[in-house]
């Protein structure tokens, strides 16, 4: 089964320090994806230098930006982990 994460970036106001460690780490992982994708603006899946965050996986994350949906889609090159980051703009 494919593991898909959806992150809605319109929600704000959470105190980052109060989040559990795993949530803070995942937020930083998504931050890397957003930064790399907005720097390069790939419209097709393009490999990044970001390693998959799944324990034991050594895949590389590929990303693309969908301007119509205001979203970044990402996926691992090895495992089925991937997702979308929405409401960026």
PDB file of N, CA and C in Angstrom:
ATOM      1  N   UNK A   1       0.841  -1.188   0.000  1.00  0.00           N
ATOM      2  CA  UNK A   1       0.000   0.000   0.000  1.00  0.00           C
ATOM      3  C   UNK A   1       0.882   1.246   0.000  1.00  0.00           C
ATOM      4  N   UNK A   2       0.557   2.178  -0.848  1.00  0.00           N
ATOM      5  CA  UNK A   2       1.313   3.428  -0.952  1.00  0.00           C
ATOM      6  C   UNK A   2       1.025   4.312   0.256  1.00  0.00           C
ATOM      7  N   UNK A   3       2.086   4.883   0.818  1.00  0.00           N
ATOM      8  CA  UNK A   3       1.944   5.775   1.962  1.00  0.00           C
ATOM      9  C   UNK A   3       1.981   7.205   1.448  1.00  0.00           C
ATOM     10  N   UNK A   4       0.885   7.927   1.604  1.00  0.00           N
ATOM     11  CA  UNK A   4       0.774   9.282   1.091  1.00  0.00           C
ATOM     12  C   UNK A   4       0.503  10.247   2.234  1.00  0.00           C
ATOM     13  N   UNK A   5       1.230  11.342   2.239  1.00  0.00           N
ATOM     14  CA  UNK A   5       1.059  12.389   3.226  1.00  0.00           C
ATOM     15  C   UNK A   5       0.512  13.629   2.534  1.00  0.00           C
ATOM     16  N   UNK A   6      -0.462  14.261   3.153  1.00  0.00           N
ATOM     17  CA  UNK A   6      -1.005  15.519   2.659  1.00  0.00           C
ATOM     18  C   UNK A   6      -0.736  16.569   3.732  1.00  0.00           C
ATOM     19  N   UNK A   7      -0.059  17.632   3.373  1.00  0.00           N
ATOM     20  CA  UNK A   7       0.237  18.712   4.310  1.00  0.00           C
ATOM     21  C   UNK A   7      -0.402  19.992   3.798  1.00  0.00           C
ATOM     22  N   UNK A   8      -1.308  20.555   4.573  1.00  0.00           N
ATOM     23  CA  UNK A   8      -1.976  21.796   4.224  1.00  0.00           C
ATOM     24  C   UNK A   8      -1.227  22.931   4.912  1.00  0.00           C
ATOM     25  N   UNK A   9      -0.548  23.749   4.136  1.00  0.00           N
ATOM     26  CA  UNK A   9       0.302  24.787   4.703  1.00  0.00           C
ATOM     27  C   UNK A   9      -0.473  26.043   5.104  1.00  0.00           C
ATOM     28  N   UNK A  10      -1.800  26.066   4.939  1.00  0.00           N
ATOM     29  CA  UNK A  10      -2.569  27.243   5.321  1.00  0.00           C
ATOM     30  C   UNK A  10      -2.811  27.292   6.828  1.00  0.00           C
ATOM     31  N   UNK A  11      -2.653  26.161   7.491  1.00  0.00           N
ATOM     32  CA  UNK A  11      -2.852  26.129   8.939  1.00  0.00           C
ATOM     33  C   UNK A  11      -1.617  26.684   9.619  1.00  0.00           C
ATOM     34  N   UNK A  12      -1.807  27.627  10.508  1.00  0.00           N
ATOM     35  CA  UNK A  12      -0.681  28.221  11.212  1.00  0.00           C
ATOM     36  C   UNK A  12      -1.069  28.472  12.654  1.00  0.00           C
ATOM     37  N   UNK A  13      -0.113  28.964  13.417  1.00  0.00           N
ATOM     38  CA  UNK A  13      -0.390  29.284  14.799  1.00  0.00           C
ATOM     39  C   UNK A  13       0.089  28.227  15.776  1.00  0.00           C
ATOM     40  N   UNK A  14       0.529  27.066  15.282  1.00  0.00           N
ATOM     41  CA  UNK A  14       1.051  26.048  16.179  1.00  0.00           C
ATOM     42  C   UNK A  14       2.422  26.463  16.696  1.00  0.00           C
ATOM     43  N   UNK A  15       2.641  26.226  17.961  1.00  0.00           N
ATOM     44  CA  UNK A  15       3.948  26.487  18.551  1.00  0.00           C
ATOM     45  C   UNK A  15       4.849  25.307  18.208  1.00  0.00           C
ATOM     46  N   UNK A  16       5.853  25.557  17.379  1.00  0.00           N
ATOM     47  CA  UNK A  16       6.733  24.500  16.879  1.00  0.00           C
ATOM     48  C   UNK A  16       7.364  23.710  18.019  1.00  0.00           C
ATOM     49  N   UNK A  17       7.736  24.368  19.099  1.00  0.00           N
ATOM     50  CA  UNK A  17       8.406  23.704  20.222  1.00  0.00           C
ATOM     51  C   UNK A  17       7.482  22.753  20.975  1.00  0.00           C
ATOM     52  N   UNK A  18       6.174  22.951  20.863  1.00  0.00           N
ATOM     53  CA  UNK A  18       5.225  22.089  21.561  1.00  0.00           C
ATOM     54  C   UNK A  18       4.892  20.820  20.779  1.00  0.00           C
ATOM     55  N   UNK A  19       5.293  20.778  19.513  1.00  0.00           N
ATOM     56  CA  UNK A  19       5.022  19.600  18.696  1.00  0.00           C
ATOM     57  C   UNK A  19       5.899  18.434  19.141  1.00  0.00           C
ATOM     58  N   UNK A  20       5.417  17.189  18.993  1.00  0.00           N
ATOM     59  CA  UNK A  20       6.275  16.036  19.277  1.00  0.00           C
ATOM     60  C   UNK A  20       7.492  16.037  18.352  1.00  0.00           C
ATOM     61  N   UNK A  21       8.564  15.397  18.789  1.00  0.00           N
ATOM     62  CA  UNK A  21       9.811  15.379  18.020  1.00  0.00           C
ATOM     63  C   UNK A  21       9.582  14.862  16.600  1.00  0.00           C
ATOM     64  N   UNK A  22       8.805  13.803  16.455  1.00  0.00           N
ATOM     65  CA  UNK A  22       8.575  13.234  15.119  1.00  0.00           C
ATOM     66  C   UNK A  22       7.867  14.241  14.203  1.00  0.00           C
ATOM     67  N   UNK A  23       6.947  15.028  14.765  1.00  0.00           N
ATOM     68  CA  UNK A  23       6.248  16.045  13.967  1.00  0.00           C
ATOM     69  C   UNK A  23       7.197  17.172  13.577  1.00  0.00           C
ATOM     70  N   UNK A  24       8.083  17.570  14.496  1.00  0.00           N
ATOM     71  CA  UNK A  24       9.069  18.615  14.171  1.00  0.00           C
ATOM     72  C   UNK A  24      10.014  18.140  13.075  1.00  0.00           C
ATOM     73  N   UNK A  25      10.458  16.881  13.155  1.00  0.00           N
ATOM     74  CA  UNK A  25      11.356  16.338  12.131  1.00  0.00           C
ATOM     75  C   UNK A  25      10.665  16.261  10.776  1.00  0.00           C
ATOM     76  N   UNK A  26       9.392  15.847  10.764  1.00  0.00           N
ATOM     77  CA  UNK A  26       8.665  15.760   9.497  1.00  0.00           C
ATOM     78  C   UNK A  26       8.432  17.150   8.915  1.00  0.00           C
ATOM     79  N   UNK A  27       8.173  18.136   9.767  1.00  0.00           N
ATOM     80  CA  UNK A  27       8.010  19.511   9.317  1.00  0.00           C
ATOM     81  C   UNK A  27       9.293  20.023   8.664  1.00  0.00           C
ATOM     82  N   UNK A  28      10.434  19.707   9.251  1.00  0.00           N
ATOM     83  CA  UNK A  28      11.728  20.104   8.662  1.00  0.00           C
ATOM     84  C   UNK A  28      11.958  19.403   7.330  1.00  0.00           C
ATOM     85  N   UNK A  29      11.558  18.129   7.239  1.00  0.00           N
ATOM     86  CA  UNK A  29      11.653  17.378   5.990  1.00  0.00           C
ATOM     87  C   UNK A  29      10.818  18.057   4.898  1.00  0.00           C
ATOM     88  N   UNK A  30       9.585  18.438   5.238  1.00  0.00           N
ATOM     89  CA  UNK A  30       8.731  19.134   4.270  1.00  0.00           C
ATOM     90  C   UNK A  30       9.308  20.488   3.896  1.00  0.00           C
ATOM     91  N   UNK A  31       9.935  21.156   4.847  1.00  0.00           N
ATOM     92  CA  UNK A  31      10.602  22.433   4.578  1.00  0.00           C
ATOM     93  C   UNK A  31      11.685  22.284   3.510  1.00  0.00           C
ATOM     94  N   UNK A  32      12.464  21.214   3.611  1.00  0.00           N
ATOM     95  CA  UNK A  32      13.507  20.944   2.598  1.00  0.00           C
ATOM     96  C   UNK A  32      12.884  20.750   1.223  1.00  0.00           C
ATOM     97  N   UNK A  33      11.783  19.995   1.184  1.00  0.00           N
ATOM     98  CA  UNK A  33      11.090  19.746  -0.084  1.00  0.00           C
ATOM     99  C   UNK A  33      10.578  21.055  -0.679  1.00  0.00           C
ATOM    100  N   UNK A  34       9.939  21.879   0.143  1.00  0.00           N
ATOM    101  CA  UNK A  34       9.408  23.153  -0.340  1.00  0.00           C
ATOM    102  C   UNK A  34      10.531  24.038  -0.864  1.00  0.00           C
ATOM    103  N   UNK A  35      11.600  24.169  -0.087  1.00  0.00           N
ATOM    104  CA  UNK A  35      12.712  25.043  -0.483  1.00  0.00           C
ATOM    105  C   UNK A  35      13.329  24.608  -1.802  1.00  0.00           C
ATOM    106  N   UNK A  36      13.617  23.321  -1.938  1.00  0.00           N
ATOM    107  CA  UNK A  36      14.244  22.821  -3.167  1.00  0.00           C
ATOM    108  C   UNK A  36      13.322  22.988  -4.368  1.00  0.00           C
ATOM    109  N   UNK A  37      12.044  22.685  -4.187  1.00  0.00           N
ATOM    110  CA  UNK A  37      11.091  22.762  -5.299  1.00  0.00           C
ATOM    111  C   UNK A  37      10.868  24.202  -5.743  1.00  0.00           C
ATOM    112  N   UNK A  38      10.737  25.128  -4.789  1.00  0.00           N
ATOM    113  CA  UNK A  38      10.526  26.527  -5.166  1.00  0.00           C
ATOM    114  C   UNK A  38      11.774  27.148  -5.786  1.00  0.00           C
ATOM    115  N   UNK A  39      12.932  26.602  -5.474  1.00  0.00           N
ATOM    116  CA  UNK A  39      14.172  27.096  -6.081  1.00  0.00           C
ATOM    117  C   UNK A  39      14.254  26.683  -7.547  1.00  0.00           C
ATOM    118  N   UNK A  40      13.826  25.451  -7.860  1.00  0.00           N
ATOM    119  CA  UNK A  40      13.986  24.907  -9.209  1.00  0.00           C
ATOM    120  C   UNK A  40      12.718  24.930 -10.057  1.00  0.00           C
ATOM    121  N   UNK A  41      11.549  24.970  -9.426  1.00  0.00           N
ATOM    122  CA  UNK A  41      10.243  25.009 -10.099  1.00  0.00           C
ATOM    123  C   UNK A  41      10.053  23.922 -11.170  1.00  0.00           C
ATOM    124  N   UNK A  42      10.312  22.654 -10.830  1.00  0.00           N
ATOM    125  CA  UNK A  42      10.124  21.584 -11.823  1.00  0.00           C
ATOM    126  C   UNK A  42       8.642  21.273 -12.036  1.00  0.00           C
ATOM    127  N   UNK A  43       8.215  21.177 -13.293  1.00  0.00           N
ATOM    128  CA  UNK A  43       6.821  20.836 -13.589  1.00  0.00           C
ATOM    129  C   UNK A  43       6.653  19.334 -13.809  1.00  0.00           C
ATOM    130  N   UNK A  44       7.755  18.615 -13.951  1.00  0.00           N
ATOM    131  CA  UNK A  44       7.760  17.150 -14.009  1.00  0.00           C
ATOM    132  C   UNK A  44       8.580  16.659 -12.824  1.00  0.00           C
ATOM    133  N   UNK A  45       8.315  15.427 -12.375  1.00  0.00           N
ATOM    134  CA  UNK A  45       9.071  14.897 -11.245  1.00  0.00           C
ATOM    135  C   UNK A  45      10.562  14.952 -11.546  1.00  0.00           C
ATOM    136  N   UNK A  46      11.294  15.612 -10.660  1.00  0.00           N
ATOM    137  CA  UNK A  46      12.725  15.826 -10.803  1.00  0.00           C
ATOM    138  C   UNK A  46      13.419  15.423  -9.504  1.00  0.00           C
ATOM    139  N   UNK A  47      14.482  14.619  -9.585  1.00  0.00           N
ATOM    140  CA  UNK A  47      15.184  14.218  -8.360  1.00  0.00           C
ATOM    141  C   UNK A  47      15.802  15.417  -7.641  1.00  0.00           C
ATOM    142  N   UNK A  48      15.789  15.339  -6.314  1.00  0.00           N
ATOM    143  CA  UNK A  48      16.432  16.346  -5.470  1.00  0.00           C
ATOM    144  C   UNK A  48      17.636  15.671  -4.806  1.00  0.00           C
ATOM    145  N   UNK A  49      18.260  16.359  -3.878  1.00  0.00           N
ATOM    146  CA  UNK A  49      19.321  15.752  -3.075  1.00  0.00           C
ATOM    147  C   UNK A  49      18.792  15.374  -1.696  1.00  0.00           C
ATOM    148  N   UNK A  50      17.476  15.302  -1.556  1.00  0.00           N
ATOM    149  CA  UNK A  50      16.839  14.987  -0.282  1.00  0.00           C
ATOM    150  C   UNK A  50      16.609  13.482  -0.186  1.00  0.00           C
ATOM    151  N   UNK A  51      17.090  12.894   0.899  1.00  0.00           N
ATOM    152  CA  UNK A  51      16.898  11.464   1.110  1.00  0.00           C
ATOM    153  C   UNK A  51      15.530  11.215   1.737  1.00  0.00           C
ATOM    154  N   UNK A  52      14.922  10.087   1.409  1.00  0.00           N
ATOM    155  CA  UNK A  52      13.634   9.704   1.970  1.00  0.00           C
ATOM    156  C   UNK A  52      13.719   9.676   3.493  1.00  0.00           C
ATOM    157  N   UNK A  53      12.636  10.059   4.143  1.00  0.00           N
ATOM    158  CA  UNK A  53      12.629  10.095   5.609  1.00  0.00           C
ATOM    159  C   UNK A  53      12.147   8.799   6.245  1.00  0.00           C
ATOM    160  N   UNK A  54      11.791   7.814   5.438  1.00  0.00           N
ATOM    161  CA  UNK A  54      11.335   6.535   5.984  1.00  0.00           C
ATOM    162  C   UNK A  54      12.533   5.761   6.518  1.00  0.00           C
ATOM    163  N   UNK A  55      12.390   5.252   7.726  1.00  0.00           N
ATOM    164  CA  UNK A  55      13.475   4.491   8.351  1.00  0.00           C
ATOM    165  C   UNK A  55      13.867   3.299   7.484  1.00  0.00           C
ATOM    166  N   UNK A  56      15.163   3.171   7.213  1.00  0.00           N
ATOM    167  CA  UNK A  56      15.681   2.060   6.427  1.00  0.00           C
ATOM    168  C   UNK A  56      15.648   2.266   4.923  1.00  0.00           C
ATOM    169  N   UNK A  57      15.048   3.343   4.459  1.00  0.00           N
ATOM    170  CA  UNK A  57      14.972   3.615   3.023  1.00  0.00           C
ATOM    171  C   UNK A  57      16.091   4.579   2.638  1.00  0.00           C
ATOM    172  N   UNK A  58      16.745   4.288   1.531  1.00  0.00           N
ATOM    173  CA  UNK A  58      17.818   5.155   1.040  1.00  0.00           C
ATOM    174  C   UNK A  58      17.465   5.789  -0.301  1.00  0.00           C
ATOM    175  N   UNK A  59      16.174   5.882  -0.573  1.00  0.00           N
ATOM    176  CA  UNK A  59      15.717   6.491  -1.814  1.00  0.00           C
ATOM    177  C   UNK A  59      15.895   7.998  -1.801  1.00  0.00           C
ATOM    178  N   UNK A  60      15.787   8.575  -2.969  1.00  0.00           N
ATOM    179  CA  UNK A  60      15.900  10.018  -3.164  1.00  0.00           C
ATOM    180  C   UNK A  60      14.510  10.566  -3.490  1.00  0.00           C
ATOM    181  N   UNK A  61      14.202  11.727  -2.952  1.00  0.00           N
ATOM    182  CA  UNK A  61      12.910  12.365  -3.176  1.00  0.00           C
ATOM    183  C   UNK A  61      12.923  13.116  -4.510  1.00  0.00           C
ATOM    184  N   UNK A  62      11.885  12.890  -5.305  1.00  0.00           N
ATOM    185  CA  UNK A  62      11.641  13.663  -6.526  1.00  0.00           C
ATOM    186  C   UNK A  62      10.438  14.555  -6.267  1.00  0.00           C
ATOM    187  N   UNK A  63      10.473  15.756  -6.828  1.00  0.00           N
ATOM    188  CA  UNK A  63       9.374  16.696  -6.616  1.00  0.00           C
ATOM    189  C   UNK A  63       8.936  17.330  -7.930  1.00  0.00           C
ATOM    190  N   UNK A  64       7.733  17.854  -7.904  1.00  0.00           N
ATOM    191  CA  UNK A  64       7.241  18.683  -9.004  1.00  0.00           C
ATOM    192  C   UNK A  64       6.245  19.665  -8.426  1.00  0.00           C
ATOM    193  N   UNK A  65       6.078  20.773  -9.111  1.00  0.00           N
ATOM    194  CA  UNK A  65       5.126  21.794  -8.661  1.00  0.00           C
ATOM    195  C   UNK A  65       3.948  21.819  -9.626  1.00  0.00           C
ATOM    196  N   UNK A  66       2.762  21.925  -9.066  1.00  0.00           N
ATOM    197  CA  UNK A  66       1.534  22.005  -9.845  1.00  0.00           C
ATOM    198  C   UNK A  66       0.936  23.391  -9.592  1.00  0.00           C
ATOM    199  N   UNK A  67       1.132  24.299 -10.546  1.00  0.00           N
ATOM    200  CA  UNK A  67       0.676  25.675 -10.380  1.00  0.00           C
ATOM    201  C   UNK A  67      -0.846  25.778 -10.379  1.00  0.00           C
ATOM    202  N   UNK A  68      -1.520  24.881 -11.097  1.00  0.00           N
ATOM    203  CA  UNK A  68      -2.986  24.913 -11.131  1.00  0.00           C
ATOM    204  C   UNK A  68      -3.589  24.548  -9.773  1.00  0.00           C
ATOM    205  N   UNK A  69      -2.966  23.619  -9.076  1.00  0.00           N
ATOM    206  CA  UNK A  69      -3.459  23.159  -7.778  1.00  0.00           C
ATOM    207  C   UNK A  69      -2.775  23.858  -6.608  1.00  0.00           C
ATOM    208  N   UNK A  70      -1.806  24.728  -6.892  1.00  0.00           N
ATOM    209  CA  UNK A  70      -1.013  25.379  -5.843  1.00  0.00           C
ATOM    210  C   UNK A  70      -0.441  24.340  -4.884  1.00  0.00           C
ATOM    211  N   UNK A  71       0.220  23.353  -5.449  1.00  0.00           N
ATOM    212  CA  UNK A  71       0.716  22.245  -4.642  1.00  0.00           C
ATOM    213  C   UNK A  71       2.073  21.765  -5.134  1.00  0.00           C
ATOM    214  N   UNK A  72       2.800  21.157  -4.215  1.00  0.00           N
ATOM    215  CA  UNK A  72       4.036  20.455  -4.533  1.00  0.00           C
ATOM    216  C   UNK A  72       3.767  18.978  -4.290  1.00  0.00           C
ATOM    217  N   UNK A  73       4.072  18.152  -5.275  1.00  0.00           N
ATOM    218  CA  UNK A  73       3.959  16.708  -5.116  1.00  0.00           C
ATOM    219  C   UNK A  73       5.358  16.143  -4.962  1.00  0.00           C
ATOM    220  N   UNK A  74       5.488  15.115  -4.125  1.00  0.00           N
ATOM    221  CA  UNK A  74       6.790  14.506  -3.908  1.00  0.00           C
ATOM    222  C   UNK A  74       6.636  12.994  -3.769  1.00  0.00           C
ATOM    223  N   UNK A  75       7.712  12.279  -4.128  1.00  0.00           N
ATOM    224  CA  UNK A  75       7.689  10.825  -4.005  1.00  0.00           C
ATOM    225  C   UNK A  75       9.116  10.309  -3.869  1.00  0.00           C
ATOM    226  N   UNK A  76       9.234   9.133  -3.260  1.00  0.00           N
ATOM    227  CA  UNK A  76      10.523   8.476  -3.085  1.00  0.00           C
ATOM    228  C   UNK A  76      10.830   7.635  -4.320  1.00  0.00           C
ATOM    229  N   UNK A  77      12.121   7.522  -4.630  1.00  0.00           N
ATOM    230  CA  UNK A  77      12.541   6.735  -5.796  1.00  0.00           C
ATOM    231  C   UNK A  77      12.557   5.236  -5.506  1.00  0.00           C
ATOM    232  N   UNK A  78      12.481   4.838  -4.234  1.00  0.00           N
ATOM    233  CA  UNK A  78      12.595   3.428  -3.874  1.00  0.00           C
ATOM    234  C   UNK A  78      11.314   2.881  -3.242  1.00  0.00           C
ATOM    235  N   UNK A  79      10.840   3.526  -2.196  1.00  0.00           N
ATOM    236  CA  UNK A  79       9.662   3.024  -1.485  1.00  0.00           C
ATOM    237  C   UNK A  79       8.411   3.789  -1.943  1.00  0.00           C
ATOM    238  N   UNK A  80       7.230   3.354  -1.526  1.00  0.00           N
ATOM    239  CA  UNK A  80       6.003   4.014  -1.982  1.00  0.00           C
ATOM    240  C   UNK A  80       5.637   5.301  -1.234  1.00  0.00           C
ATOM    241  N   UNK A  81       6.539   5.822  -0.419  1.00  0.00           N
ATOM    242  CA  UNK A  81       6.249   7.040   0.342  1.00  0.00           C
ATOM    243  C   UNK A  81       6.221   8.252  -0.583  1.00  0.00           C
ATOM    244  N   UNK A  82       5.228   9.091  -0.393  1.00  0.00           N
ATOM    245  CA  UNK A  82       5.097  10.316  -1.174  1.00  0.00           C
ATOM    246  C   UNK A  82       3.979  11.152  -0.632  1.00  0.00           C
ATOM    247  N   UNK A  83       3.717  12.275  -1.272  1.00  0.00           N
ATOM    248  CA  UNK A  83       2.632  13.099  -0.792  1.00  0.00           C
ATOM    249  C   UNK A  83       2.492  14.390  -1.557  1.00  0.00           C
ATOM    250  N   UNK A  84       1.692  15.277  -0.984  1.00  0.00           N
ATOM    251  CA  UNK A  84       1.450  16.595  -1.580  1.00  0.00           C
ATOM    252  C   UNK A  84       1.437  17.632  -0.482  1.00  0.00           C
ATOM    253  N   UNK A  85       1.963  18.785  -0.802  1.00  0.00           N
ATOM    254  CA  UNK A  85       1.964  19.944   0.095  1.00  0.00           C
ATOM    255  C   UNK A  85       1.080  20.976  -0.591  1.00  0.00           C
ATOM    256  N   UNK A  86      -0.027  21.324   0.044  1.00  0.00           N
ATOM    257  CA  UNK A  86      -1.015  22.193  -0.595  1.00  0.00           C
ATOM    258  C   UNK A  86      -1.092  23.564   0.065  1.00  0.00           C
ATOM    259  N   UNK A  87      -1.813  24.467  -0.602  1.00  0.00           N
ATOM    260  CA  UNK A  87      -2.047  25.841  -0.114  1.00  0.00           C
ATOM    261  C   UNK A  87      -0.753  26.578   0.169  1.00  0.00           C
ATOM    262  N   UNK A  88       0.159  26.499  -0.760  1.00  0.00           N
ATOM    263  CA  UNK A  88       1.446  27.177  -0.599  1.00  0.00           C
ATOM    264  C   UNK A  88       1.339  28.666  -0.878  1.00  0.00           C
ATOM    265  N   UNK A  89       0.480  29.047  -1.811  1.00  0.00           N
ATOM    266  CA  UNK A  89       0.436  30.429  -2.273  1.00  0.00           C
ATOM    267  C   UNK A  89      -0.861  31.098  -1.860  1.00  0.00           C
TER     268      UNK A  89
END
